[in-house]
């Protein structure tokens, strides 16, 4: 169950490093997907992670230097005891 996005680097320039921190429940597996104009991001650092004892999970990734400016959808998903939830936010690239 994704509760909230605690932090996101926003707005950001191409070539910079972005970070997103979400809060869920402790020890829950989460996934992040970022959807740019060209499709789903394949950036390093965007893999499954388990929340810490406080329920926090973070991802850090590099924005490509050729990323098209715009507002791009980010989806954070979690699955706790068979109940899948997701939260959507947006990343502004300038």
PDB file of N, CA and C in Angstrom:
ATOM      1  N   UNK A   1       0.843  -1.182   0.000  1.00  0.00           N
ATOM      2  CA  UNK A   1       0.000   0.000   0.000  1.00  0.00           C
ATOM      3  C   UNK A   1       0.885   1.241   0.000  1.00  0.00           C
ATOM      4  N   UNK A   2       0.930   1.944  -1.100  1.00  0.00           N
ATOM      5  CA  UNK A   2       1.706   3.178  -1.198  1.00  0.00           C
ATOM      6  C   UNK A   2       0.920   4.276  -0.501  1.00  0.00           C
ATOM      7  N   UNK A   3       1.501   4.852   0.531  1.00  0.00           N
ATOM      8  CA  UNK A   3       0.820   5.897   1.286  1.00  0.00           C
ATOM      9  C   UNK A   3       1.003   7.275   0.676  1.00  0.00           C
ATOM     10  N   UNK A   4       2.274   7.625   0.418  1.00  0.00           N
ATOM     11  CA  UNK A   4       2.521   8.962  -0.129  1.00  0.00           C
ATOM     12  C   UNK A   4       3.918   9.060  -0.720  1.00  0.00           C
ATOM     13  N   UNK A   5       4.070  10.052  -1.569  1.00  0.00           N
ATOM     14  CA  UNK A   5       5.376  10.426  -2.076  1.00  0.00           C
ATOM     15  C   UNK A   5       5.901  11.469  -1.101  1.00  0.00           C
ATOM     16  N   UNK A   6       7.020  11.160  -0.451  1.00  0.00           N
ATOM     17  CA  UNK A   6       7.591  12.086   0.527  1.00  0.00           C
ATOM     18  C   UNK A   6       8.462  13.151  -0.137  1.00  0.00           C
ATOM     19  N   UNK A   7       9.117  12.772  -1.250  1.00  0.00           N
ATOM     20  CA  UNK A   7      10.026  13.710  -1.919  1.00  0.00           C
ATOM     21  C   UNK A   7      10.233  13.281  -3.352  1.00  0.00           C
ATOM     22  N   UNK A   8      10.349  14.273  -4.230  1.00  0.00           N
ATOM     23  CA  UNK A   8      10.767  14.025  -5.605  1.00  0.00           C
ATOM     24  C   UNK A   8      11.535  15.246  -6.081  1.00  0.00           C
ATOM     25  N   UNK A   9      12.650  15.010  -6.767  1.00  0.00           N
ATOM     26  CA  UNK A   9      13.417  16.093  -7.368  1.00  0.00           C
ATOM     27  C   UNK A   9      12.570  16.632  -8.513  1.00  0.00           C
ATOM     28  N   UNK A  10      12.091  17.850  -8.384  1.00  0.00           N
ATOM     29  CA  UNK A  10      11.141  18.366  -9.363  1.00  0.00           C
ATOM     30  C   UNK A  10      11.089  19.885  -9.287  1.00  0.00           C
ATOM     31  N   UNK A  11      11.243  20.617 -10.377  1.00  0.00           N
ATOM     32  CA  UNK A  11      11.572  20.177 -11.727  1.00  0.00           C
ATOM     33  C   UNK A  11      13.047  19.803 -11.821  1.00  0.00           C
ATOM     34  N   UNK A  12      13.411  19.262 -12.974  1.00  0.00           N
ATOM     35  CA  UNK A  12      14.777  18.785 -13.174  1.00  0.00           C
ATOM     36  C   UNK A  12      15.198  19.017 -14.615  1.00  0.00           C
ATOM     37  N   UNK A  13      16.491  19.149 -14.810  1.00  0.00           N
ATOM     38  CA  UNK A  13      17.049  19.348 -16.151  1.00  0.00           C
ATOM     39  C   UNK A  13      17.580  18.031 -16.697  1.00  0.00           C
ATOM     40  N   UNK A  14      17.574  17.860 -18.024  1.00  0.00           N
ATOM     41  CA  UNK A  14      18.205  16.684 -18.613  1.00  0.00           C
ATOM     42  C   UNK A  14      19.667  16.592 -18.171  1.00  0.00           C
ATOM     43  N   UNK A  15      20.112  15.379 -17.884  1.00  0.00           N
ATOM     44  CA  UNK A  15      21.479  15.156 -17.446  1.00  0.00           C
ATOM     45  C   UNK A  15      21.653  15.181 -15.933  1.00  0.00           C
ATOM     46  N   UNK A  16      20.635  15.641 -15.211  1.00  0.00           N
ATOM     47  CA  UNK A  16      20.714  15.710 -13.748  1.00  0.00           C
ATOM     48  C   UNK A  16      20.272  14.384 -13.127  1.00  0.00           C
ATOM     49  N   UNK A  17      20.502  14.256 -11.827  1.00  0.00           N
ATOM     50  CA  UNK A  17      20.114  13.053 -11.091  1.00  0.00           C
ATOM     51  C   UNK A  17      18.849  13.325 -10.298  1.00  0.00           C
ATOM     52  N   UNK A  18      17.867  12.458 -10.460  1.00  0.00           N
ATOM     53  CA  UNK A  18      16.579  12.592  -9.772  1.00  0.00           C
ATOM     54  C   UNK A  18      16.485  11.588  -8.632  1.00  0.00           C
ATOM     55  N   UNK A  19      15.696  11.940  -7.632  1.00  0.00           N
ATOM     56  CA  UNK A  19      15.417  11.050  -6.508  1.00  0.00           C
ATOM     57  C   UNK A  19      13.937  11.108  -6.190  1.00  0.00           C
ATOM     58  N   UNK A  20      13.377   9.955  -5.866  1.00  0.00           N
ATOM     59  CA  UNK A  20      11.993   9.866  -5.401  1.00  0.00           C
ATOM     60  C   UNK A  20      12.006   9.034  -4.127  1.00  0.00           C
ATOM     61  N   UNK A  21      11.328   9.525  -3.097  1.00  0.00           N
ATOM     62  CA  UNK A  21      11.176   8.798  -1.841  1.00  0.00           C
ATOM     63  C   UNK A  21       9.691   8.613  -1.588  1.00  0.00           C
ATOM     64  N   UNK A  22       9.284   7.369  -1.376  1.00  0.00           N
ATOM     65  CA  UNK A  22       7.888   7.044  -1.081  1.00  0.00           C
ATOM     66  C   UNK A  22       7.805   6.432   0.314  1.00  0.00           C
ATOM     67  N   UNK A  23       6.624   6.541   0.913  1.00  0.00           N
ATOM     68  CA  UNK A  23       6.396   5.910   2.205  1.00  0.00           C
ATOM     69  C   UNK A  23       5.265   4.907   2.058  1.00  0.00           C
ATOM     70  N   UNK A  24       5.524   3.702   2.504  1.00  0.00           N
ATOM     71  CA  UNK A  24       4.564   2.603   2.402  1.00  0.00           C
ATOM     72  C   UNK A  24       4.435   2.029   3.801  1.00  0.00           C
ATOM     73  N   UNK A  25       4.528   0.741   3.932  1.00  0.00           N
ATOM     74  CA  UNK A  25       4.597   0.054   5.217  1.00  0.00           C
ATOM     75  C   UNK A  25       5.969  -0.589   5.303  1.00  0.00           C
ATOM     76  N   UNK A  26       6.432  -0.906   6.500  1.00  0.00           N
ATOM     77  CA  UNK A  26       7.738  -1.543   6.622  1.00  0.00           C
ATOM     78  C   UNK A  26       7.815  -2.885   5.895  1.00  0.00           C
ATOM     79  N   UNK A  27       8.965  -3.097   5.238  1.00  0.00           N
ATOM     80  CA  UNK A  27       9.304  -4.355   4.578  1.00  0.00           C
ATOM     81  C   UNK A  27       8.303  -4.812   3.517  1.00  0.00           C
ATOM     82  N   UNK A  28       7.928  -3.866   2.670  1.00  0.00           N
ATOM     83  CA  UNK A  28       7.039  -4.137   1.542  1.00  0.00           C
ATOM     84  C   UNK A  28       7.838  -3.933   0.255  1.00  0.00           C
ATOM     85  N   UNK A  29       7.681  -4.828  -0.708  1.00  0.00           N
ATOM     86  CA  UNK A  29       8.375  -4.714  -1.993  1.00  0.00           C
ATOM     87  C   UNK A  29       7.644  -3.696  -2.870  1.00  0.00           C
ATOM     88  N   UNK A  30       8.426  -2.786  -3.461  1.00  0.00           N
ATOM     89  CA  UNK A  30       7.860  -1.731  -4.305  1.00  0.00           C
ATOM     90  C   UNK A  30       8.585  -1.682  -5.645  1.00  0.00           C
ATOM     91  N   UNK A  31       7.886  -1.167  -6.625  1.00  0.00           N
ATOM     92  CA  UNK A  31       8.402  -1.027  -7.991  1.00  0.00           C
ATOM     93  C   UNK A  31       8.117   0.401  -8.456  1.00  0.00           C
ATOM     94  N   UNK A  32       9.026   0.936  -9.269  1.00  0.00           N
ATOM     95  CA  UNK A  32       8.822   2.264  -9.843  1.00  0.00           C
ATOM     96  C   UNK A  32       8.900   2.158 -11.363  1.00  0.00           C
ATOM     97  N   UNK A  33       8.029   2.876 -12.042  1.00  0.00           N
ATOM     98  CA  UNK A  33       8.044   2.957 -13.503  1.00  0.00           C
ATOM     99  C   UNK A  33       7.927   4.421 -13.894  1.00  0.00           C
ATOM    100  N   UNK A  34       8.760   4.838 -14.838  1.00  0.00           N
ATOM    101  CA  UNK A  34       8.733   6.212 -15.327  1.00  0.00           C
ATOM    102  C   UNK A  34       8.457   6.155 -16.817  1.00  0.00           C
ATOM    103  N   UNK A  35       7.476   6.923 -17.253  1.00  0.00           N
ATOM    104  CA  UNK A  35       7.033   6.877 -18.644  1.00  0.00           C
ATOM    105  C   UNK A  35       7.337   8.196 -19.337  1.00  0.00           C
ATOM    106  N   UNK A  36       8.329   8.145 -20.221  1.00  0.00           N
ATOM    107  CA  UNK A  36       8.690   9.296 -21.040  1.00  0.00           C
ATOM    108  C   UNK A  36       8.010   9.175 -22.400  1.00  0.00           C
ATOM    109  N   UNK A  37       8.200  10.185 -23.241  1.00  0.00           N
ATOM    110  CA  UNK A  37       7.632  10.183 -24.593  1.00  0.00           C
ATOM    111  C   UNK A  37       8.041   8.925 -25.357  1.00  0.00           C
ATOM    112  N   UNK A  38       9.279   8.477 -25.130  1.00  0.00           N
ATOM    113  CA  UNK A  38       9.800   7.309 -25.849  1.00  0.00           C
ATOM    114  C   UNK A  38       9.371   5.974 -25.225  1.00  0.00           C
ATOM    115  N   UNK A  39       8.683   6.028 -24.100  1.00  0.00           N
ATOM    116  CA  UNK A  39       8.235   4.804 -23.429  1.00  0.00           C
ATOM    117  C   UNK A  39       8.773   4.703 -22.017  1.00  0.00           C
ATOM    118  N   UNK A  40       8.729   3.512 -21.475  1.00  0.00           N
ATOM    119  CA  UNK A  40       9.160   3.258 -20.106  1.00  0.00           C
ATOM    120  C   UNK A  40      10.680   3.418 -19.979  1.00  0.00           C
ATOM    121  N   UNK A  41      11.108   4.080 -18.908  1.00  0.00           N
ATOM    122  CA  UNK A  41      12.533   4.323 -18.690  1.00  0.00           C
ATOM    123  C   UNK A  41      13.275   3.029 -18.389  1.00  0.00           C
ATOM    124  N   UNK A  42      14.488   2.949 -18.901  1.00  0.00           N
ATOM    125  CA  UNK A  42      15.369   1.811 -18.651  1.00  0.00           C
ATOM    126  C   UNK A  42      16.577   2.254 -17.825  1.00  0.00           C
ATOM    127  N   UNK A  43      16.471   3.401 -17.148  1.00  0.00           N
ATOM    128  CA  UNK A  43      17.580   3.954 -16.377  1.00  0.00           C
ATOM    129  C   UNK A  43      18.015   3.010 -15.265  1.00  0.00           C
ATOM    130  N   UNK A  44      19.308   3.014 -14.994  1.00  0.00           N
ATOM    131  CA  UNK A  44      19.832   2.213 -13.892  1.00  0.00           C
ATOM    132  C   UNK A  44      19.279   2.766 -12.583  1.00  0.00           C
ATOM    133  N   UNK A  45      19.024   1.887 -11.641  1.00  0.00           N
ATOM    134  CA  UNK A  45      18.523   2.293 -10.335  1.00  0.00           C
ATOM    135  C   UNK A  45      17.026   2.140 -10.180  1.00  0.00           C
ATOM    136  N   UNK A  46      16.331   1.841 -11.286  1.00  0.00           N
ATOM    137  CA  UNK A  46      14.870   1.703 -11.234  1.00  0.00           C
ATOM    138  C   UNK A  46      14.502   0.224 -11.147  1.00  0.00           C
ATOM    139  N   UNK A  47      14.735  -0.371 -10.007  1.00  0.00           N
ATOM    140  CA  UNK A  47      14.464  -1.796  -9.814  1.00  0.00           C
ATOM    141  C   UNK A  47      13.634  -1.995  -8.553  1.00  0.00           C
ATOM    142  N   UNK A  48      13.175  -3.230  -8.330  1.00  0.00           N
ATOM    143  CA  UNK A  48      12.395  -3.547  -7.139  1.00  0.00           C
ATOM    144  C   UNK A  48      13.213  -3.248  -5.892  1.00  0.00           C
ATOM    145  N   UNK A  49      12.552  -2.670  -4.907  1.00  0.00           N
ATOM    146  CA  UNK A  49      13.192  -2.388  -3.625  1.00  0.00           C
ATOM    147  C   UNK A  49      12.216  -2.702  -2.503  1.00  0.00           C
ATOM    148  N   UNK A  50      12.770  -3.007  -1.343  1.00  0.00           N
ATOM    149  CA  UNK A  50      11.964  -3.271  -0.153  1.00  0.00           C
ATOM    150  C   UNK A  50      12.079  -2.086   0.792  1.00  0.00           C
ATOM    151  N   UNK A  51      10.955  -1.660   1.343  1.00  0.00           N
ATOM    152  CA  UNK A  51      10.958  -0.538   2.268  1.00  0.00           C
ATOM    153  C   UNK A  51      11.758  -0.865   3.526  1.00  0.00           C
ATOM    154  N   UNK A  52      12.259   0.170   4.177  1.00  0.00           N
ATOM    155  CA  UNK A  52      13.015  -0.015   5.409  1.00  0.00           C
ATOM    156  C   UNK A  52      12.065  -0.167   6.604  1.00  0.00           C
ATOM    157  N   UNK A  53      12.609  -0.206   7.806  1.00  0.00           N
ATOM    158  CA  UNK A  53      11.795  -0.426   9.006  1.00  0.00           C
ATOM    159  C   UNK A  53      10.816   0.709   9.277  1.00  0.00           C
ATOM    160  N   UNK A  54      11.060   1.887   8.650  1.00  0.00           N
ATOM    161  CA  UNK A  54      10.136   3.021   8.789  1.00  0.00           C
ATOM    162  C   UNK A  54       9.110   3.078   7.658  1.00  0.00           C
ATOM    163  N   UNK A  55       9.242   2.169   6.686  1.00  0.00           N
ATOM    164  CA  UNK A  55       8.330   2.154   5.551  1.00  0.00           C
ATOM    165  C   UNK A  55       8.776   3.015   4.385  1.00  0.00           C
ATOM    166  N   UNK A  56      10.001   3.530   4.445  1.00  0.00           N
ATOM    167  CA  UNK A  56      10.507   4.392   3.373  1.00  0.00           C
ATOM    168  C   UNK A  56      11.255   3.588   2.324  1.00  0.00           C
ATOM    169  N   UNK A  57      11.138   4.025   1.080  1.00  0.00           N
ATOM    170  CA  UNK A  57      11.865   3.433  -0.034  1.00  0.00           C
ATOM    171  C   UNK A  57      12.245   4.569  -0.981  1.00  0.00           C
ATOM    172  N   UNK A  58      13.466   4.498  -1.547  1.00  0.00           N
ATOM    173  CA  UNK A  58      13.887   5.570  -2.450  1.00  0.00           C
ATOM    174  C   UNK A  58      14.577   5.003  -3.674  1.00  0.00           C
ATOM    175  N   UNK A  59      14.478   5.767  -4.740  1.00  0.00           N
ATOM    176  CA  UNK A  59      15.154   5.450  -5.995  1.00  0.00           C
ATOM    177  C   UNK A  59      15.889   6.700  -6.453  1.00  0.00           C
ATOM    178  N   UNK A  60      17.060   6.506  -7.040  1.00  0.00           N
ATOM    179  CA  UNK A  60      17.824   7.594  -7.632  1.00  0.00           C
ATOM    180  C   UNK A  60      18.240   7.153  -9.028  1.00  0.00           C
ATOM    181  N   UNK A  61      18.056   8.033 -10.007  1.00  0.00           N
ATOM    182  CA  UNK A  61      18.392   7.699 -11.385  1.00  0.00           C
ATOM    183  C   UNK A  61      18.806   8.965 -12.133  1.00  0.00           C
ATOM    184  N   UNK A  62      19.515   8.753 -13.212  1.00  0.00           N
ATOM    185  CA  UNK A  62      19.996   9.857 -14.039  1.00  0.00           C
ATOM    186  C   UNK A  62      18.985  10.131 -15.154  1.00  0.00           C
ATOM    187  N   UNK A  63      18.639  11.400 -15.334  1.00  0.00           N
ATOM    188  CA  UNK A  63      17.774  11.817 -16.438  1.00  0.00           C
ATOM    189  C   UNK A  63      18.659  11.906 -17.682  1.00  0.00           C
ATOM    190  N   UNK A  64      18.270  11.251 -18.739  1.00  0.00           N
ATOM    191  CA  UNK A  64      19.064  11.265 -19.969  1.00  0.00           C
ATOM    192  C   UNK A  64      19.236  12.666 -20.520  1.00  0.00           C
ATOM    193  N   UNK A  65      20.381  12.911 -21.125  1.00  0.00           N
ATOM    194  CA  UNK A  65      20.655  14.241 -21.676  1.00  0.00           C
ATOM    195  C   UNK A  65      19.762  14.583 -22.867  1.00  0.00           C
ATOM    196  N   UNK A  66      19.180  13.560 -23.488  1.00  0.00           N
ATOM    197  CA  UNK A  66      18.281  13.786 -24.631  1.00  0.00           C
ATOM    198  C   UNK A  66      16.811  13.632 -24.259  1.00  0.00           C
ATOM    199  N   UNK A  67      16.499  13.625 -22.949  1.00  0.00           N
ATOM    200  CA  UNK A  67      15.111  13.501 -22.511  1.00  0.00           C
ATOM    201  C   UNK A  67      14.319  14.717 -22.969  1.00  0.00           C
ATOM    202  N   UNK A  68      13.184  14.468 -23.586  1.00  0.00           N
ATOM    203  CA  UNK A  68      12.323  15.532 -24.077  1.00  0.00           C
ATOM    204  C   UNK A  68      11.725  16.300 -22.903  1.00  0.00           C
ATOM    205  N   UNK A  69      11.784  17.646 -22.945  1.00  0.00           N
ATOM    206  CA  UNK A  69      11.143  18.427 -21.886  1.00  0.00           C
ATOM    207  C   UNK A  69       9.646  18.127 -21.832  1.00  0.00           C
ATOM    208  N   UNK A  70       9.096  18.153 -20.634  1.00  0.00           N
ATOM    209  CA  UNK A  70       7.673  17.905 -20.452  1.00  0.00           C
ATOM    210  C   UNK A  70       7.398  17.360 -19.065  1.00  0.00           C
ATOM    211  N   UNK A  71       6.169  16.939 -18.867  1.00  0.00           N
ATOM    212  CA  UNK A  71       5.719  16.362 -17.600  1.00  0.00           C
ATOM    213  C   UNK A  71       5.529  14.868 -17.824  1.00  0.00           C
ATOM    214  N   UNK A  72       6.297  14.039 -17.100  1.00  0.00           N
ATOM    215  CA  UNK A  72       6.327  12.601 -17.341  1.00  0.00           C
ATOM    216  C   UNK A  72       5.817  11.828 -16.138  1.00  0.00           C
ATOM    217  N   UNK A  73       4.971  10.844 -16.412  1.00  0.00           N
ATOM    218  CA  UNK A  73       4.295  10.084 -15.364  1.00  0.00           C
ATOM    219  C   UNK A  73       5.237   9.112 -14.671  1.00  0.00           C
ATOM    220  N   UNK A  74       5.121   9.078 -13.332  1.00  0.00           N
ATOM    221  CA  UNK A  74       5.834   8.110 -12.497  1.00  0.00           C
ATOM    222  C   UNK A  74       4.791   7.322 -11.725  1.00  0.00           C
ATOM    223  N   UNK A  75       4.922   5.992 -11.744  1.00  0.00           N
ATOM    224  CA  UNK A  75       4.007   5.120 -11.016  1.00  0.00           C
ATOM    225  C   UNK A  75       4.823   4.303 -10.014  1.00  0.00           C
ATOM    226  N   UNK A  76       4.439   4.388  -8.747  1.00  0.00           N
ATOM    227  CA  UNK A  76       5.051   3.579  -7.703  1.00  0.00           C
ATOM    228  C   UNK A  76       4.004   2.547  -7.282  1.00  0.00           C
ATOM    229  N   UNK A  77       4.390   1.264  -7.354  1.00  0.00           N
ATOM    230  CA  UNK A  77       3.461   0.182  -7.021  1.00  0.00           C
ATOM    231  C   UNK A  77       4.003  -0.629  -5.860  1.00  0.00           C
ATOM    232  N   UNK A  78       3.080  -1.119  -5.033  1.00  0.00           N
ATOM    233  CA  UNK A  78       3.465  -2.020  -3.942  1.00  0.00           C
ATOM    234  C   UNK A  78       2.445  -3.140  -3.850  1.00  0.00           C
ATOM    235  N   UNK A  79       2.857  -4.212  -3.196  1.00  0.00           N
ATOM    236  CA  UNK A  79       1.966  -5.348  -3.001  1.00  0.00           C
ATOM    237  C   UNK A  79       2.195  -5.863  -1.590  1.00  0.00           C
ATOM    238  N   UNK A  80       1.184  -5.698  -0.746  1.00  0.00           N
ATOM    239  CA  UNK A  80       1.286  -6.112   0.656  1.00  0.00           C
ATOM    240  C   UNK A  80       0.148  -7.067   0.973  1.00  0.00           C
ATOM    241  N   UNK A  81       0.512  -8.256   1.362  1.00  0.00           N
ATOM    242  CA  UNK A  81      -0.450  -9.328   1.691  1.00  0.00           C
ATOM    243  C   UNK A  81      -1.509  -9.498   0.599  1.00  0.00           C
ATOM    244  N   UNK A  82      -1.043  -9.480  -0.655  1.00  0.00           N
ATOM    245  CA  UNK A  82      -1.936  -9.718  -1.779  1.00  0.00           C
ATOM    246  C   UNK A  82      -2.724  -8.512  -2.240  1.00  0.00           C
ATOM    247  N   UNK A  83      -2.548  -7.364  -1.583  1.00  0.00           N
ATOM    248  CA  UNK A  83      -3.275  -6.162  -1.973  1.00  0.00           C
ATOM    249  C   UNK A  83      -2.329  -5.217  -2.706  1.00  0.00           C
ATOM    250  N   UNK A  84      -2.532  -5.095  -4.015  1.00  0.00           N
ATOM    251  CA  UNK A  84      -1.694  -4.224  -4.844  1.00  0.00           C
ATOM    252  C   UNK A  84      -2.249  -2.802  -4.834  1.00  0.00           C
ATOM    253  N   UNK A  85      -1.358  -1.846  -4.675  1.00  0.00           N
ATOM    254  CA  UNK A  85      -1.754  -0.435  -4.725  1.00  0.00           C
ATOM    255  C   UNK A  85      -0.734   0.326  -5.557  1.00  0.00           C
ATOM    256  N   UNK A  86      -1.117   1.504  -6.006  1.00  0.00           N
ATOM    257  CA  UNK A  86      -0.191   2.337  -6.767  1.00  0.00           C
ATOM    258  C   UNK A  86      -0.476   3.809  -6.505  1.00  0.00           C
ATOM    259  N   UNK A  87       0.538   4.599  -6.744  1.00  0.00           N
ATOM    260  CA  UNK A  87       0.442   6.041  -6.601  1.00  0.00           C
ATOM    261  C   UNK A  87       1.090   6.663  -7.826  1.00  0.00           C
ATOM    262  N   UNK A  88       0.454   7.665  -8.388  1.00  0.00           N
ATOM    263  CA  UNK A  88       0.968   8.329  -9.589  1.00  0.00           C
ATOM    264  C   UNK A  88       1.386   9.748  -9.235  1.00  0.00           C
ATOM    265  N   UNK A  89       2.554  10.135  -9.739  1.00  0.00           N
ATOM    266  CA  UNK A  89       3.019  11.516  -9.633  1.00  0.00           C
ATOM    267  C   UNK A  89       3.664  11.871 -10.970  1.00  0.00           C
ATOM    268  N   UNK A  90       4.133  13.098 -11.099  1.00  0.00           N
ATOM    269  CA  UNK A  90       4.714  13.525 -12.360  1.00  0.00           C
ATOM    270  C   UNK A  90       6.063  14.199 -12.154  1.00  0.00           C
ATOM    271  N   UNK A  91       6.949  14.009 -13.111  1.00  0.00           N
ATOM    272  CA  UNK A  91       8.282  14.595 -13.102  1.00  0.00           C
ATOM    273  C   UNK A  91       8.338  15.644 -14.218  1.00  0.00           C
ATOM    274  N   UNK A  92       8.670  16.870 -13.850  1.00  0.00           N
ATOM    275  CA  UNK A  92       8.774  17.960 -14.832  1.00  0.00           C
ATOM    276  C   UNK A  92      10.219  18.084 -15.284  1.00  0.00           C
ATOM    277  N   UNK A  93      10.459  17.841 -16.571  1.00  0.00           N
ATOM    278  CA  UNK A  93      11.798  17.965 -17.152  1.00  0.00           C
ATOM    279  C   UNK A  93      11.812  19.225 -18.019  1.00  0.00           C
ATOM    280  N   UNK A  94      12.789  20.109 -17.793  1.00  0.00           N
ATOM    281  CA  UNK A  94      12.896  21.367 -18.549  1.00  0.00           C
ATOM    282  C   UNK A  94      14.179  21.454 -19.313  1.00  0.00           C
TER     283      UNK A  94
END
